[in-house]
Amino acid sequence: MDKTTTSRLMEALRDVNEAELEAFAEAHGQSLPSLGDYWAEIIAAQPLSRREIIRRADFSETYGYKLLSGENRTSERDYVLRLCIAMGMSLQETQRALELNEMRPLYPKDRRDMALIVAVNSGLTSVDEVNALLARHGCQPLKRSGGEGDA
């Protein structure tokens, strides 16, 4: 996968006019990973199997596999966060996963997001431990999946 940085793309776009936009998008489209590709890249860099990640995130197997493949997208930010936590993703990786899911990143001025950032930075990989941390600080826990029908 092409590792063109966002800042380099932004810089290059300064010189692109509307007539050149399609050609630019075609030439640089590979630098934008699909959600399934991003999950696969993260999973490949760790010892956990997809099945173990899905179990840790507390999803049904069918629904979890569909999320990790990119076949299903969810509108639930907490579901993406559950996967990120289960995989032990860094804050930067978590923010990227949220971005690729077209969700707002963790925001340090939001109390709940602040607690989630601390949990991620502390290396917590148990959703239950993260929920306990959230509860100790008066925040709502991460939503539980109802199963395959969630999207």
Protein backbone atom coordinates (compact mmCIF):
# COMPACT_ATOMS: atom_id res chain seq x y z
CA MET A 1 0.00 0.00 0.00
CA ASP A 2 1.27 3.48 -0.91
CA LYS A 3 2.20 5.39 2.23
CA THR A 4 1.68 8.92 0.85
CA THR A 5 1.06 11.09 3.87
CA THR A 6 -2.01 13.23 4.24
CA SER A 7 0.14 16.33 4.52
CA ARG A 8 1.91 15.52 1.23
CA LEU A 9 -1.43 14.96 -0.50
CA MET A 10 -2.71 18.25 0.92
CA GLU A 11 0.39 20.04 -0.33
CA ALA A 12 0.07 18.50 -3.80
CA LEU A 13 -3.61 19.46 -3.97
CA ARG A 14 -2.70 23.16 -3.71
CA ASP A 15 -1.57 23.04 -7.35
CA VAL A 16 -4.51 20.97 -8.67
CA ASN A 17 -7.39 22.72 -10.38
CA GLU A 18 -10.84 21.27 -11.01
CA ALA A 19 -9.95 20.08 -14.53
CA GLU A 20 -7.09 18.01 -13.03
CA LEU A 21 -9.05 16.64 -10.07
CA GLU A 22 -10.12 13.31 -11.60
CA ALA A 23 -6.61 12.51 -12.82
CA PHE A 24 -5.18 13.41 -9.40
CA ALA A 25 -7.74 11.23 -7.61
CA GLU A 26 -6.98 8.33 -9.96
CA ALA A 27 -3.24 8.68 -9.46
CA HIS A 28 -3.46 8.93 -5.67
CA GLY A 29 -6.46 6.72 -4.96
CA GLN A 30 -4.18 3.85 -3.90
CA SER A 31 -2.89 5.93 -1.01
CA LEU A 32 -6.35 5.82 0.54
CA PRO A 33 -6.84 2.36 2.06
CA SER A 34 -10.24 0.77 2.28
CA LEU A 35 -11.50 0.04 5.73
CA GLY A 36 -11.06 -3.72 5.22
CA ASP A 37 -7.49 -3.15 4.04
CA TYR A 38 -6.74 -1.07 7.12
CA TRP A 39 -8.11 -3.71 9.50
CA ALA A 40 -6.11 -6.39 7.63
CA GLU A 41 -2.90 -4.33 7.94
CA ILE A 42 -3.39 -3.91 11.70
CA ILE A 43 -4.28 -7.58 12.21
CA ALA A 44 -1.25 -8.75 10.21
CA ALA A 45 1.06 -6.87 12.58
CA GLN A 46 -0.09 -8.74 15.69
CA PRO A 47 -0.39 -12.26 17.05
CA LEU A 48 -4.18 -12.27 17.50
CA SER A 49 -6.43 -14.10 15.09
CA ARG A 50 -9.57 -12.48 13.71
CA ARG A 51 -11.62 -14.89 15.81
CA GLU A 52 -9.81 -13.80 19.00
CA ILE A 53 -10.26 -10.11 18.14
CA ILE A 54 -13.97 -10.63 17.52
CA ARG A 55 -14.32 -12.53 20.81
CA ARG A 56 -12.45 -9.81 22.73
CA ALA A 57 -14.62 -7.11 21.15
CA ASP A 58 -17.73 -9.13 22.08
CA PHE A 59 -19.29 -9.38 18.63
CA SER A 60 -21.01 -12.34 17.07
CA GLU A 61 -18.61 -14.17 14.80
CA THR A 62 -20.57 -13.42 11.63
CA TYR A 63 -20.98 -9.73 12.37
CA GLY A 64 -17.37 -9.36 13.54
CA TYR A 65 -15.97 -10.94 10.39
CA LYS A 66 -18.12 -8.66 8.26
CA LEU A 67 -16.86 -5.60 10.13
CA LEU A 68 -13.21 -6.64 9.87
CA SER A 69 -13.51 -7.43 6.16
CA GLY A 70 -15.10 -4.06 5.46
CA GLU A 71 -18.18 -5.83 4.08
CA ASN A 72 -20.32 -4.22 6.79
CA ARG A 73 -19.92 -0.69 8.03
CA THR A 74 -21.31 0.46 11.31
CA SER A 75 -22.63 3.83 12.35
CA GLU A 76 -21.78 2.98 15.97
CA ARG A 77 -18.54 4.70 16.95
CA ASP A 78 -18.36 2.49 20.06
CA TYR A 79 -18.22 -0.65 17.89
CA VAL A 80 -15.14 0.67 16.08
CA LEU A 81 -13.62 1.58 19.43
CA ARG A 82 -14.33 -1.93 20.75
CA LEU A 83 -12.38 -3.41 17.83
CA CYS A 84 -9.51 -0.95 18.30
CA ILE A 85 -9.29 -1.76 22.00
CA ALA A 86 -9.50 -5.51 21.41
CA MET A 87 -6.58 -5.24 18.97
CA GLY A 88 -4.52 -3.08 21.32
CA MET A 89 -4.26 -0.35 18.71
CA SER A 90 -2.31 2.82 19.44
CA LEU A 91 -4.08 6.15 19.69
CA GLN A 92 -2.87 7.10 16.21
CA GLU A 93 -4.16 3.81 14.76
CA THR A 94 -7.47 4.25 16.59
CA GLN A 95 -7.90 7.77 15.26
CA ARG A 96 -7.20 6.49 11.72
CA ALA A 97 -9.77 3.70 12.10
CA LEU A 98 -12.37 6.25 13.20
CA GLU A 99 -11.45 8.49 10.26
CA LEU A 100 -11.77 5.62 7.76
CA ASN A 101 -15.19 4.85 9.27
CA GLU A 102 -16.12 8.51 8.70
CA MET A 103 -16.47 9.09 12.44
CA ARG A 104 -15.19 11.87 14.62
CA PRO A 105 -11.84 11.18 16.27
CA LEU A 106 -11.40 10.92 20.00
CA TYR A 107 -11.52 14.49 21.27
CA PRO A 108 -9.49 15.42 24.36
CA LYS A 109 -11.98 18.09 25.50
CA ASP A 110 -14.80 15.54 25.76
CA ARG A 111 -14.75 13.84 29.19
CA ARG A 112 -15.64 10.36 27.87
CA ASP A 113 -13.19 10.63 24.97
CA MET A 114 -10.55 11.84 27.44
CA ALA A 115 -11.04 8.65 29.47
CA LEU A 116 -10.92 6.55 26.28
CA ILE A 117 -7.67 8.21 25.25
CA VAL A 118 -6.16 7.39 28.64
CA ALA A 119 -7.36 3.77 28.29
CA VAL A 120 -5.84 3.43 24.81
CA ASN A 121 -2.59 5.12 25.86
CA SER A 122 -2.44 2.81 28.90
CA GLY A 123 -2.56 -0.21 26.61
CA LEU A 124 -5.85 -1.60 27.92
CA THR A 125 -7.02 -4.38 25.60
CA SER A 126 -10.05 -5.55 27.56
CA VAL A 127 -13.33 -3.86 26.73
CA ASP A 128 -14.54 -4.74 30.24
CA GLU A 129 -11.52 -2.96 31.79
CA VAL A 130 -12.14 0.08 29.61
CA ASN A 131 -15.81 0.10 30.62
CA ALA A 132 -14.78 -0.11 34.29
CA LEU A 133 -12.46 2.87 33.78
CA LEU A 134 -15.28 4.80 32.09
CA ALA A 135 -17.68 3.96 34.95
CA ARG A 136 -15.15 5.06 37.59
CA HIS A 137 -15.08 8.46 35.90
CA GLY A 138 -18.83 8.84 35.48
CA CYS A 139 -18.91 8.08 31.75
CA GLN A 140 -21.16 5.82 29.74
CA PRO A 141 -19.67 2.40 28.91
CA LEU A 142 -18.95 1.34 25.35
CA LYS A 143 -22.13 0.05 23.74
CA ARG A 144 -22.55 -3.70 23.46
CA SER A 145 -23.32 -5.24 20.12
CA GLY A 146 -26.73 -6.77 19.69
CA GLY A 147 -25.28 -9.13 17.06
CA GLU A 148 -25.37 -9.54 13.33
CA GLY A 149 -28.18 -7.09 12.71
CA ASP A 150 -26.19 -4.13 14.01
CA ALA A 151 -24.98 -1.76 11.37
